[in-house]
């Protein structure tokens, strides 16, 4: 294998990832959130390639905000937000990707949490129940243990 070939620098693997991401992005059967996330990843790959060649401006910035155990990362120009819930040192955080519209529907929950935190109250909620009630689905499915 020649040094500097596409196989040597991992570009062939990246091409496969791009092909799969394009298939997701272009599949009308996939959710809008998933399709937008695939587009964002394609933009990151393009930015990485441009940076490698010296012509790029870098990857798009991600805005991060924190509210108690919740951490939000908004991905610009995609309309999607990741939500990470810190469950303590012994547990893996819960992670979900939702649309900006879903974040708006979750606003009452976050306002409730903000109000309790401002008063110094303890915050104990059933995350699954709250998200099911406000969104109609569980974006953390398969991550919560029913035990």
Protein backbone atom coordinates (compact mmCIF):
# COMPACT_ATOMS: atom_id res chain seq x y z
CA UNK A 1 0.00 0.00 0.00
CA UNK A 2 1.38 3.42 -0.92
CA UNK A 3 1.87 5.97 1.80
CA UNK A 4 -0.65 8.81 1.52
CA UNK A 5 -3.20 6.69 -0.31
CA UNK A 6 -6.90 7.00 0.57
CA UNK A 7 -6.74 3.64 2.36
CA UNK A 8 -3.78 4.85 4.45
CA UNK A 9 -5.41 8.06 5.70
CA UNK A 10 -8.81 6.57 6.53
CA UNK A 11 -10.59 8.45 3.72
CA UNK A 12 -12.11 5.26 2.35
CA UNK A 13 -13.82 4.66 5.71
CA UNK A 14 -14.97 8.28 5.77
CA UNK A 15 -16.43 7.87 2.28
CA UNK A 16 -18.49 4.92 3.55
CA UNK A 17 -19.70 6.96 6.52
CA UNK A 18 -20.66 9.81 4.19
CA UNK A 19 -22.55 7.43 1.91
CA UNK A 20 -24.53 6.08 4.87
CA UNK A 21 -25.23 9.55 6.24
CA UNK A 22 -26.48 10.73 2.84
CA UNK A 23 -28.79 7.71 2.67
CA UNK A 24 -30.25 8.64 6.07
CA UNK A 25 -30.51 12.34 5.19
CA UNK A 26 -32.29 11.59 1.91
CA UNK A 27 -34.68 8.93 3.25
CA UNK A 28 -38.16 10.50 3.70
CA UNK A 29 -39.07 7.53 5.89
CA UNK A 30 -36.57 8.63 8.55
CA UNK A 31 -37.54 11.17 11.21
CA UNK A 32 -36.77 14.82 10.59
CA UNK A 33 -34.52 14.88 13.65
CA UNK A 34 -32.45 11.94 12.40
CA UNK A 35 -32.22 13.43 8.91
CA UNK A 36 -31.06 16.80 10.30
CA UNK A 37 -28.49 15.08 12.52
CA UNK A 38 -27.14 13.21 9.47
CA UNK A 39 -26.87 16.54 7.60
CA UNK A 40 -24.97 18.08 10.51
CA UNK A 41 -22.55 15.16 10.54
CA UNK A 42 -22.03 15.54 6.77
CA UNK A 43 -21.20 19.22 7.33
CA UNK A 44 -18.67 18.25 10.01
CA UNK A 45 -17.01 15.78 7.64
CA UNK A 46 -16.82 18.46 4.94
CA UNK A 47 -15.30 20.89 7.46
CA UNK A 48 -12.73 18.30 8.55
CA UNK A 49 -11.75 17.67 4.94
CA UNK A 50 -11.52 21.40 4.26
CA UNK A 51 -9.39 21.90 7.38
CA UNK A 52 -7.09 19.10 6.25
CA UNK A 53 -6.59 20.85 2.92
CA UNK A 54 -6.18 24.24 4.60
CA UNK A 55 -9.27 25.84 3.03
CA UNK A 56 -11.83 25.41 5.77
CA UNK A 57 -13.24 27.54 8.54
CA UNK A 58 -13.76 24.67 10.98
CA UNK A 59 -16.79 22.77 12.21
CA UNK A 60 -20.00 24.60 13.13
CA UNK A 61 -20.14 25.78 16.73
CA UNK A 62 -22.41 23.98 19.17
CA UNK A 63 -24.19 26.01 21.86
CA UNK A 64 -24.20 24.28 25.26
CA UNK A 65 -26.42 25.20 28.21
CA UNK A 66 -26.86 23.52 31.59
CA UNK A 67 -29.86 23.32 33.93
CA UNK A 68 -29.32 21.14 36.98
CA UNK A 69 -28.67 17.60 35.75
CA UNK A 70 -29.67 18.54 32.16
CA UNK A 71 -27.13 19.61 29.57
CA UNK A 72 -28.38 20.90 26.21
CA UNK A 73 -26.31 21.18 23.05
CA UNK A 74 -27.97 23.04 20.18
CA UNK A 75 -26.58 22.28 16.76
CA UNK A 76 -26.84 25.43 14.60
CA UNK A 77 -28.70 25.41 11.29
CA UNK A 78 -30.20 21.98 11.98
CA UNK A 79 -33.08 22.56 14.36
CA UNK A 80 -31.94 19.72 16.63
CA UNK A 81 -30.83 19.67 20.24
CA UNK A 82 -29.15 16.95 22.22
CA UNK A 83 -30.19 16.48 25.84
CA UNK A 84 -27.88 14.76 28.29
CA UNK A 85 -29.05 13.95 31.81
CA UNK A 86 -26.35 13.44 34.43
CA UNK A 87 -27.47 10.61 36.71
CA UNK A 88 -24.54 10.72 39.11
CA UNK A 89 -21.07 9.26 39.21
CA UNK A 90 -22.15 5.61 39.18
CA UNK A 91 -24.57 5.79 36.23
CA UNK A 92 -24.10 6.47 32.54
CA UNK A 93 -25.82 9.71 31.46
CA UNK A 94 -29.01 9.51 29.41
CA UNK A 95 -28.68 11.05 25.94
CA UNK A 96 -31.39 11.97 23.45
CA UNK A 97 -31.62 14.04 20.28
CA UNK A 98 -34.83 16.02 19.84
CA UNK A 99 -36.11 18.69 17.49
CA UNK A 100 -36.33 22.38 18.36
CA UNK A 101 -40.13 21.99 18.34
CA UNK A 102 -39.86 19.19 20.91
CA UNK A 103 -37.65 21.40 23.10
CA UNK A 104 -40.41 24.04 23.00
CA UNK A 105 -42.93 21.41 24.15
CA UNK A 106 -40.57 20.49 27.00
CA UNK A 107 -40.30 24.11 28.18
CA UNK A 108 -42.86 23.68 31.02
CA UNK A 109 -40.73 20.87 32.48
CA UNK A 110 -37.54 22.92 32.30
CA UNK A 111 -39.28 25.98 33.78
CA UNK A 112 -40.55 23.80 36.64
CA UNK A 113 -37.00 22.58 37.27
CA UNK A 114 -35.59 26.12 37.07
CA UNK A 115 -38.18 27.39 39.59
CA UNK A 116 -37.40 24.60 42.07
CA UNK A 117 -33.65 25.12 41.68
CA UNK A 118 -34.05 28.89 42.27
CA UNK A 119 -35.84 28.16 45.56
CA UNK A 120 -33.19 25.61 46.53
CA UNK A 121 -35.76 22.79 46.49
CA UNK A 122 -34.78 19.21 45.81
CA UNK A 123 -35.75 18.13 42.31
CA UNK A 124 -37.03 14.58 41.85
CA UNK A 125 -38.95 13.80 38.69
CA UNK A 126 -39.79 10.73 36.69
CA UNK A 127 -37.97 11.64 33.47
CA UNK A 128 -39.68 8.98 31.40
CA UNK A 129 -43.16 10.05 32.50
CA UNK A 130 -42.45 13.76 32.00
CA UNK A 131 -41.08 13.28 28.48
CA UNK A 132 -43.87 10.86 27.54
CA UNK A 133 -46.50 13.33 28.72
CA UNK A 134 -44.99 16.34 26.94
CA UNK A 135 -43.68 14.69 23.76
CA UNK A 136 -45.83 11.61 23.39
CA UNK A 137 -42.74 9.42 23.12
CA UNK A 138 -39.65 8.52 25.15
CA UNK A 139 -36.46 9.89 23.52
CA UNK A 140 -34.43 7.93 26.09
CA UNK A 141 -35.98 4.56 25.19
CA UNK A 142 -33.76 1.57 25.87
CA UNK A 143 -31.60 3.70 28.19
CA UNK A 144 -33.72 3.59 31.34
CA UNK A 145 -33.75 0.46 33.45
CA UNK A 146 -37.26 -0.53 34.50
CA UNK A 147 -36.02 -2.18 37.67
